[in-house]
Amino acid sequence: MTAPTTAAYAGRVTPQDGDLTLTSRGRLLAAGKMLFSRNGYESTSTAAIAREAGSSESQLIRYFGGKAGLLEAVFNDGWTVLADDVTQQIAESRHGRDAILRILGLMIDNFSRDHDIAFLFLFEGRRMRGHEVVLSKGYTTFMELVLSLIRKGQEDGSFRNDTAPALLAAAMLGAAEGLLRERVLAERQNRPSPGDDSQIRAAFAAMVNGLGPA
């Protein structure tokens, strides 16, 4: 889910066009995503990101305001990539529950393809700043979408209506994240995966369908 003006190969990120403004920002995004995933947010320095991107710390500050801003941009870039597909899946859905299955299934598929962004969303997605938990704008927008679809499902009868939408959303997102987290951890620890894409989707669908009307 890197910017379209960059490409990563052999552990390095290189520009694909002649616009230095665009490629510098794109290289920093790609380098930040890779290093945050590989080494963790706290252990990754702005100097390391700039070096990996073939850029400078001053450029990182210019575009993102610092390391926290870069992580935020990585998350928002990831959600933006999903936006068109999410819109299409909702348009093709029969009802609210079908829409939830489609878009969270889409999220599972994308995380399975891009392990770096999966690791970041699952392990770095909720940053602590002092006593406050900071969520990316992209995640907040996605959560609002899920809530709206649950409300729609309660209205059209595809979801039970005796439970608050926020609780149903927490249950669904928690299940999706838990299923993916186990797979990512298994891969990072070089142990057998608990399930492939189809098994993860089937387990998630079983849970969501269980929240249908009694």
C-alpha atoms as a PDB file:
ATOM      1  CA  MET A   1       0.000   0.000   0.000  1.00  0.00           C
ATOM      2  CA  THR A   2       2.848   2.365  -0.767  1.00  0.00           C
ATOM      3  CA  ALA A   3       2.471   5.532  -2.795  1.00  0.00           C
ATOM      4  CA  PRO A   4       2.194   4.911  -6.552  1.00  0.00           C
ATOM      5  CA  THR A   5       5.312   6.942  -7.271  1.00  0.00           C
ATOM      6  CA  THR A   6       7.640   4.551  -5.438  1.00  0.00           C
ATOM      7  CA  ALA A   7       8.775   0.951  -5.622  1.00  0.00           C
ATOM      8  CA  ALA A   8      10.629  -1.204  -3.111  1.00  0.00           C
ATOM      9  CA  TYR A   9      13.160  -3.819  -4.131  1.00  0.00           C
ATOM     10  CA  ALA A  10      16.218  -5.411  -2.576  1.00  0.00           C
ATOM     11  CA  GLY A  11      15.399  -3.697   0.707  1.00  0.00           C
ATOM     12  CA  ARG A  12      15.633  -0.197  -0.812  1.00  0.00           C
ATOM     13  CA  VAL A  13      13.056   2.320  -2.005  1.00  0.00           C
ATOM     14  CA  THR A  14      13.689   4.126  -5.282  1.00  0.00           C
ATOM     15  CA  PRO A  15      11.814   6.794  -7.263  1.00  0.00           C
ATOM     16  CA  GLN A  16       9.929   5.956 -10.429  1.00  0.00           C
ATOM     17  CA  ASP A  17       9.400   9.468 -11.812  1.00  0.00           C
ATOM     18  CA  GLY A  18      11.225  12.761 -12.087  1.00  0.00           C
ATOM     19  CA  ASP A  19       9.152  14.794  -9.615  1.00  0.00           C
ATOM     20  CA  LEU A  20      11.460  15.058  -6.614  1.00  0.00           C
ATOM     21  CA  THR A  21       8.726  16.518  -4.370  1.00  0.00           C
ATOM     22  CA  LEU A  22       6.391  13.549  -4.936  1.00  0.00           C
ATOM     23  CA  THR A  23       9.073  10.876  -4.885  1.00  0.00           C
ATOM     24  CA  SER A  24      10.714  12.176  -1.723  1.00  0.00           C
ATOM     25  CA  ARG A  25       7.400  12.028   0.163  1.00  0.00           C
ATOM     26  CA  GLY A  26       6.565   8.645  -1.338  1.00  0.00           C
ATOM     27  CA  ARG A  27       9.969   7.197  -0.499  1.00  0.00           C
ATOM     28  CA  LEU A  28       9.645   8.384   3.097  1.00  0.00           C
ATOM     29  CA  LEU A  29       6.199   6.769   3.372  1.00  0.00           C
ATOM     30  CA  ALA A  30       7.456   3.463   1.977  1.00  0.00           C
ATOM     31  CA  ALA A  31      10.588   3.474   4.128  1.00  0.00           C
ATOM     32  CA  GLY A  32       8.623   4.345   7.258  1.00  0.00           C
ATOM     33  CA  LYS A  33       6.122   1.548   6.676  1.00  0.00           C
ATOM     34  CA  MET A  34       8.867  -1.020   6.159  1.00  0.00           C
ATOM     35  CA  LEU A  35      11.036   0.030   9.117  1.00  0.00           C
ATOM     36  CA  PHE A  36       8.142   0.539  11.545  1.00  0.00           C
ATOM     37  CA  SER A  37       6.957  -2.965  10.694  1.00  0.00           C
ATOM     38  CA  ARG A  38      10.411  -4.553  10.864  1.00  0.00           C
ATOM     39  CA  ASN A  39      11.775  -2.816  13.961  1.00  0.00           C
ATOM     40  CA  GLY A  40       8.741  -1.298  15.716  1.00  0.00           C
ATOM     41  CA  TYR A  41       7.785   2.347  15.983  1.00  0.00           C
ATOM     42  CA  GLU A  42       9.784   3.153  19.123  1.00  0.00           C
ATOM     43  CA  SER A  43      12.982   1.521  17.829  1.00  0.00           C
ATOM     44  CA  THR A  44      12.919   3.270  14.452  1.00  0.00           C
ATOM     45  CA  SER A  45      14.670   6.624  14.293  1.00  0.00           C
ATOM     46  CA  THR A  46      13.934   9.457  11.895  1.00  0.00           C
ATOM     47  CA  ALA A  47      17.569   9.245  10.766  1.00  0.00           C
ATOM     48  CA  ALA A  48      17.109   5.574   9.797  1.00  0.00           C
ATOM     49  CA  ILE A  49      13.927   6.379   7.868  1.00  0.00           C
ATOM     50  CA  ALA A  50      15.569   9.230   5.973  1.00  0.00           C
ATOM     51  CA  ARG A  51      18.611   7.066   5.181  1.00  0.00           C
ATOM     52  CA  GLU A  52      16.448   4.195   3.920  1.00  0.00           C
ATOM     53  CA  ALA A  53      14.414   6.602   1.785  1.00  0.00           C
ATOM     54  CA  GLY A  54      17.475   8.329   0.339  1.00  0.00           C
ATOM     55  CA  SER A  55      16.085  11.570   1.735  1.00  0.00           C
ATOM     56  CA  SER A  56      16.726  13.731   4.807  1.00  0.00           C
ATOM     57  CA  GLU A  57      15.258  14.269   8.266  1.00  0.00           C
ATOM     58  CA  SER A  58      14.393  17.841   7.270  1.00  0.00           C
ATOM     59  CA  GLN A  59      12.245  16.489   4.443  1.00  0.00           C
ATOM     60  CA  LEU A  60      10.537  14.089   6.850  1.00  0.00           C
ATOM     61  CA  ILE A  61       9.743  17.017   9.155  1.00  0.00           C
ATOM     62  CA  ARG A  62       8.569  19.102   6.190  1.00  0.00           C
ATOM     63  CA  TYR A  63       6.085  16.534   4.930  1.00  0.00           C
ATOM     64  CA  PHE A  64       4.935  14.813   8.128  1.00  0.00           C
ATOM     65  CA  GLY A  65       5.959  16.973  11.083  1.00  0.00           C
ATOM     66  CA  GLY A  66       7.903  14.083  12.628  1.00  0.00           C
ATOM     67  CA  LYS A  67       7.800  10.343  13.212  1.00  0.00           C
ATOM     68  CA  ALA A  68       4.278  10.293  14.660  1.00  0.00           C
ATOM     69  CA  GLY A  69       2.960  12.205  11.651  1.00  0.00           C
ATOM     70  CA  LEU A  70       4.651   9.753   9.307  1.00  0.00           C
ATOM     71  CA  LEU A  71       3.029   6.778  11.036  1.00  0.00           C
ATOM     72  CA  GLU A  72      -0.338   8.544  10.809  1.00  0.00           C
ATOM     73  CA  ALA A  73       0.223   9.095   7.074  1.00  0.00           C
ATOM     74  CA  VAL A  74       1.128   5.420   6.568  1.00  0.00           C
ATOM     75  CA  PHE A  75      -2.168   4.396   8.196  1.00  0.00           C
ATOM     76  CA  ASN A  76      -4.237   6.937   6.280  1.00  0.00           C
ATOM     77  CA  ASP A  77      -2.576   5.927   3.016  1.00  0.00           C
ATOM     78  CA  GLY A  78      -3.495   2.312   3.747  1.00  0.00           C
ATOM     79  CA  TRP A  79      -7.174   3.125   4.326  1.00  0.00           C
ATOM     80  CA  THR A  80      -7.275   5.348   1.229  1.00  0.00           C
ATOM     81  CA  VAL A  81      -6.167   2.424  -0.926  1.00  0.00           C
ATOM     82  CA  LEU A  82      -9.202   0.475   0.320  1.00  0.00           C
ATOM     83  CA  ALA A  83     -11.713   3.282  -0.193  1.00  0.00           C
ATOM     84  CA  ASP A  84     -12.801   2.569  -3.783  1.00  0.00           C
ATOM     85  CA  ASP A  85     -13.076  -1.183  -3.183  1.00  0.00           C
ATOM     86  CA  VAL A  86     -15.106  -0.598  -0.025  1.00  0.00           C
ATOM     87  CA  THR A  87     -17.511   1.682  -1.904  1.00  0.00           C
ATOM     88  CA  GLN A  88     -17.998  -0.945  -4.607  1.00  0.00           C
ATOM     89  CA  GLN A  89     -18.568  -3.754  -2.114  1.00  0.00           C
ATOM     90  CA  ILE A  90     -21.204  -1.724  -0.268  1.00  0.00           C
ATOM     91  CA  ALA A  91     -22.993  -0.907  -3.533  1.00  0.00           C
ATOM     92  CA  GLU A  92     -23.152  -4.616  -4.410  1.00  0.00           C
ATOM     93  CA  SER A  93     -24.365  -5.727  -0.954  1.00  0.00           C
ATOM     94  CA  ARG A  94     -27.859  -7.072  -0.361  1.00  0.00           C
ATOM     95  CA  HIS A  95     -28.160  -5.730   3.194  1.00  0.00           C
ATOM     96  CA  GLY A  96     -26.147  -4.398   6.134  1.00  0.00           C
ATOM     97  CA  ARG A  97     -24.769  -7.742   7.275  1.00  0.00           C
ATOM     98  CA  ASP A  98     -23.669  -8.647   3.750  1.00  0.00           C
ATOM     99  CA  ALA A  99     -21.885  -5.274   3.492  1.00  0.00           C
ATOM    100  CA  ILE A 100     -20.022  -5.918   6.760  1.00  0.00           C
ATOM    101  CA  LEU A 101     -18.913  -9.353   5.585  1.00  0.00           C
ATOM    102  CA  ARG A 102     -17.731  -7.908   2.298  1.00  0.00           C
ATOM    103  CA  ILE A 103     -15.732  -4.952   3.606  1.00  0.00           C
ATOM    104  CA  LEU A 104     -14.140  -6.722   6.578  1.00  0.00           C
ATOM    105  CA  GLY A 105     -13.384  -9.637   4.267  1.00  0.00           C
ATOM    106  CA  LEU A 106     -11.732  -7.087   1.977  1.00  0.00           C
ATOM    107  CA  MET A 107      -9.649  -5.853   4.898  1.00  0.00           C
ATOM    108  CA  ILE A 108      -8.583  -9.425   5.693  1.00  0.00           C
ATOM    109  CA  ASP A 109      -7.576  -9.988   2.064  1.00  0.00           C
ATOM    110  CA  ASN A 110      -5.536  -6.777   1.921  1.00  0.00           C
ATOM    111  CA  PHE A 111      -3.773  -7.495   5.187  1.00  0.00           C
ATOM    112  CA  SER A 112      -2.927 -10.977   3.948  1.00  0.00           C
ATOM    113  CA  ARG A 113      -1.277  -9.469   0.856  1.00  0.00           C
ATOM    114  CA  ASP A 114       0.592  -6.683   2.655  1.00  0.00           C
ATOM    115  CA  HIS A 115       2.157  -8.091   5.812  1.00  0.00           C
ATOM    116  CA  ASP A 116       3.905  -4.828   6.739  1.00  0.00           C
ATOM    117  CA  ILE A 117       0.687  -2.811   6.897  1.00  0.00           C
ATOM    118  CA  ALA A 118      -1.044  -5.711   8.666  1.00  0.00           C
ATOM    119  CA  PHE A 119       1.601  -5.702  11.395  1.00  0.00           C
ATOM    120  CA  LEU A 120       1.351  -1.937  11.819  1.00  0.00           C
ATOM    121  CA  PHE A 121      -2.445  -1.881  12.025  1.00  0.00           C
ATOM    122  CA  LEU A 122      -2.506  -4.754  14.506  1.00  0.00           C
ATOM    123  CA  PHE A 123       0.420  -3.803  16.747  1.00  0.00           C
ATOM    124  CA  GLU A 124       1.068  -0.081  16.259  1.00  0.00           C
ATOM    125  CA  GLY A 125      -2.393   1.176  15.311  1.00  0.00           C
ATOM    126  CA  ARG A 126      -3.320   2.541  18.719  1.00  0.00           C
ATOM    127  CA  ARG A 127      -0.581   4.918  19.806  1.00  0.00           C
ATOM    128  CA  MET A 128      -0.385   6.268  23.349  1.00  0.00           C
ATOM    129  CA  ARG A 129       0.403   9.968  23.757  1.00  0.00           C
ATOM    130  CA  GLY A 130       0.522  10.659  27.454  1.00  0.00           C
ATOM    131  CA  HIS A 131      -2.749   9.252  28.771  1.00  0.00           C
ATOM    132  CA  GLU A 132      -4.568   9.462  25.435  1.00  0.00           C
ATOM    133  CA  VAL A 133      -5.023   6.722  22.838  1.00  0.00           C
ATOM    134  CA  VAL A 134      -4.557   8.209  19.366  1.00  0.00           C
ATOM    135  CA  LEU A 135      -6.317   6.614  16.402  1.00  0.00           C
ATOM    136  CA  SER A 136      -5.563   7.462  12.791  1.00  0.00           C
ATOM    137  CA  LYS A 137      -8.166   9.452  10.863  1.00  0.00           C
ATOM    138  CA  GLY A 138      -8.437   6.585   8.416  1.00  0.00           C
ATOM    139  CA  TYR A 139      -9.256   4.080  11.168  1.00  0.00           C
ATOM    140  CA  THR A 140     -11.791   6.448  12.727  1.00  0.00           C
ATOM    141  CA  THR A 141     -13.520   6.897   9.362  1.00  0.00           C
ATOM    142  CA  PHE A 142     -13.553   3.136   8.829  1.00  0.00           C
ATOM    143  CA  MET A 143     -15.036   2.561  12.286  1.00  0.00           C
ATOM    144  CA  GLU A 144     -17.782   5.098  11.566  1.00  0.00           C
ATOM    145  CA  LEU A 145     -18.556   3.255   8.331  1.00  0.00           C
ATOM    146  CA  VAL A 146     -18.827  -0.072  10.149  1.00  0.00           C
ATOM    147  CA  LEU A 147     -21.168   1.483  12.716  1.00  0.00           C
ATOM    148  CA  SER A 148     -23.385   2.936   9.982  1.00  0.00           C
ATOM    149  CA  LEU A 149     -23.623  -0.456   8.270  1.00  0.00           C
ATOM    150  CA  ILE A 150     -24.522  -2.164  11.537  1.00  0.00           C
ATOM    151  CA  ARG A 151     -27.300   0.374  12.092  1.00  0.00           C
ATOM    152  CA  LYS A 152     -28.469  -0.258   8.534  1.00  0.00           C
ATOM    153  CA  GLY A 153     -28.434  -4.003   9.229  1.00  0.00           C
ATOM    154  CA  GLN A 154     -30.509  -3.532  12.358  1.00  0.00           C
ATOM    155  CA  GLU A 155     -33.029  -1.547  10.326  1.00  0.00           C
ATOM    156  CA  ASP A 156     -33.212  -4.065   7.469  1.00  0.00           C
ATOM    157  CA  GLY A 157     -33.367  -7.041   9.851  1.00  0.00           C
ATOM    158  CA  SER A 158     -30.027  -8.624   8.965  1.00  0.00           C
ATOM    159  CA  PHE A 159     -28.543  -7.851  12.415  1.00  0.00           C
ATOM    160  CA  ARG A 160     -30.069  -8.370  15.842  1.00  0.00           C
ATOM    161  CA  ASN A 161     -31.394  -5.120  17.298  1.00  0.00           C
ATOM    162  CA  ASP A 162     -31.177  -5.958  20.988  1.00  0.00           C
ATOM    163  CA  THR A 163     -27.481  -4.994  21.179  1.00  0.00           C
ATOM    164  CA  ALA A 164     -25.904  -1.543  20.821  1.00  0.00           C
ATOM    165  CA  PRO A 165     -24.240  -0.991  17.415  1.00  0.00           C
ATOM    166  CA  ALA A 166     -20.981   0.029  19.102  1.00  0.00           C
ATOM    167  CA  LEU A 167     -20.805  -3.332  20.896  1.00  0.00           C
ATOM    168  CA  LEU A 168     -21.459  -5.245  17.682  1.00  0.00           C
ATOM    169  CA  ALA A 169     -18.773  -3.180  15.929  1.00  0.00           C
ATOM    170  CA  ALA A 170     -16.282  -3.885  18.719  1.00  0.00           C
ATOM    171  CA  ALA A 171     -17.051  -7.611  18.546  1.00  0.00           C
ATOM    172  CA  MET A 172     -16.619  -7.763  14.761  1.00  0.00           C
ATOM    173  CA  LEU A 173     -13.456  -5.682  14.556  1.00  0.00           C
ATOM    174  CA  GLY A 174     -11.987  -7.496  17.552  1.00  0.00           C
ATOM    175  CA  ALA A 175     -12.654 -10.849  15.892  1.00  0.00           C
ATOM    176  CA  ALA A 176     -11.131  -9.737  12.581  1.00  0.00           C
ATOM    177  CA  GLU A 177      -8.048  -8.330  14.295  1.00  0.00           C
ATOM    178  CA  GLY A 178      -7.661 -11.396  16.510  1.00  0.00           C
ATOM    179  CA  LEU A 179      -7.779 -13.798  13.581  1.00  0.00           C
ATOM    180  CA  LEU A 180      -5.227 -11.763  11.645  1.00  0.00           C
ATOM    181  CA  ARG A 181      -3.004 -11.172  14.668  1.00  0.00           C
ATOM    182  CA  GLU A 182      -2.557 -14.890  15.260  1.00  0.00           C
ATOM    183  CA  ARG A 183      -1.530 -15.371  11.645  1.00  0.00           C
ATOM    184  CA  VAL A 184       0.935 -12.454  11.669  1.00  0.00           C
ATOM    185  CA  LEU A 185       2.501 -13.648  14.936  1.00  0.00           C
ATOM    186  CA  ALA A 186       2.889 -17.173  13.570  1.00  0.00           C
ATOM    187  CA  GLU A 187       4.673 -15.841  10.491  1.00  0.00           C
ATOM    188  CA  ARG A 188       6.961 -13.597  12.555  1.00  0.00           C
ATOM    189  CA  GLN A 189       7.819 -16.490  14.879  1.00  0.00           C
ATOM    190  CA  ASN A 190       8.310 -19.015  12.058  1.00  0.00           C
ATOM    191  CA  ARG A 191       5.629 -21.372  13.307  1.00  0.00           C
ATOM    192  CA  PRO A 192       2.687 -22.908  11.430  1.00  0.00           C
ATOM    193  CA  SER A 193      -0.127 -20.497  10.585  1.00  0.00           C
ATOM    194  CA  PRO A 194      -3.431 -21.205  12.373  1.00  0.00           C
ATOM    195  CA  GLY A 195      -5.279 -20.885   9.064  1.00  0.00           C
ATOM    196  CA  ASP A 196      -5.137 -19.683   5.480  1.00  0.00           C
ATOM    197  CA  ASP A 197      -7.181 -16.867   3.922  1.00  0.00           C
ATOM    198  CA  SER A 198     -10.248 -19.006   3.281  1.00  0.00           C
ATOM    199  CA  GLN A 199     -10.260 -20.391   6.829  1.00  0.00           C
ATOM    200  CA  ILE A 200      -9.899 -16.924   8.348  1.00  0.00           C
ATOM    201  CA  ARG A 201     -12.750 -15.611   6.218  1.00  0.00           C
ATOM    202  CA  ALA A 202     -14.931 -18.625   7.120  1.00  0.00           C
ATOM    203  CA  ALA A 203     -14.301 -18.142  10.852  1.00  0.00           C
ATOM    204  CA  PHE A 204     -15.090 -14.444  10.591  1.00  0.00           C
ATOM    205  CA  ALA A 205     -18.249 -15.083   8.580  1.00  0.00           C
ATOM    206  CA  ALA A 206     -19.432 -17.629  11.151  1.00  0.00           C
ATOM    207  CA  MET A 207     -19.043 -15.074  13.934  1.00  0.00           C
ATOM    208  CA  VAL A 208     -20.779 -12.258  12.019  1.00  0.00           C
ATOM    209  CA  ASN A 209     -23.628 -14.522  10.916  1.00  0.00           C
ATOM    210  CA  GLY A 210     -24.065 -15.478  14.546  1.00  0.00           C
ATOM    211  CA  LEU A 211     -24.996 -11.851  15.233  1.00  0.00           C
ATOM    212  CA  GLY A 212     -27.925 -12.046  12.866  1.00  0.00           C
ATOM    213  CA  PRO A 213     -31.518 -11.898  14.131  1.00  0.00           C
ATOM    214  CA  ALA A 214     -32.606 -14.641  16.506  1.00  0.00           C
END
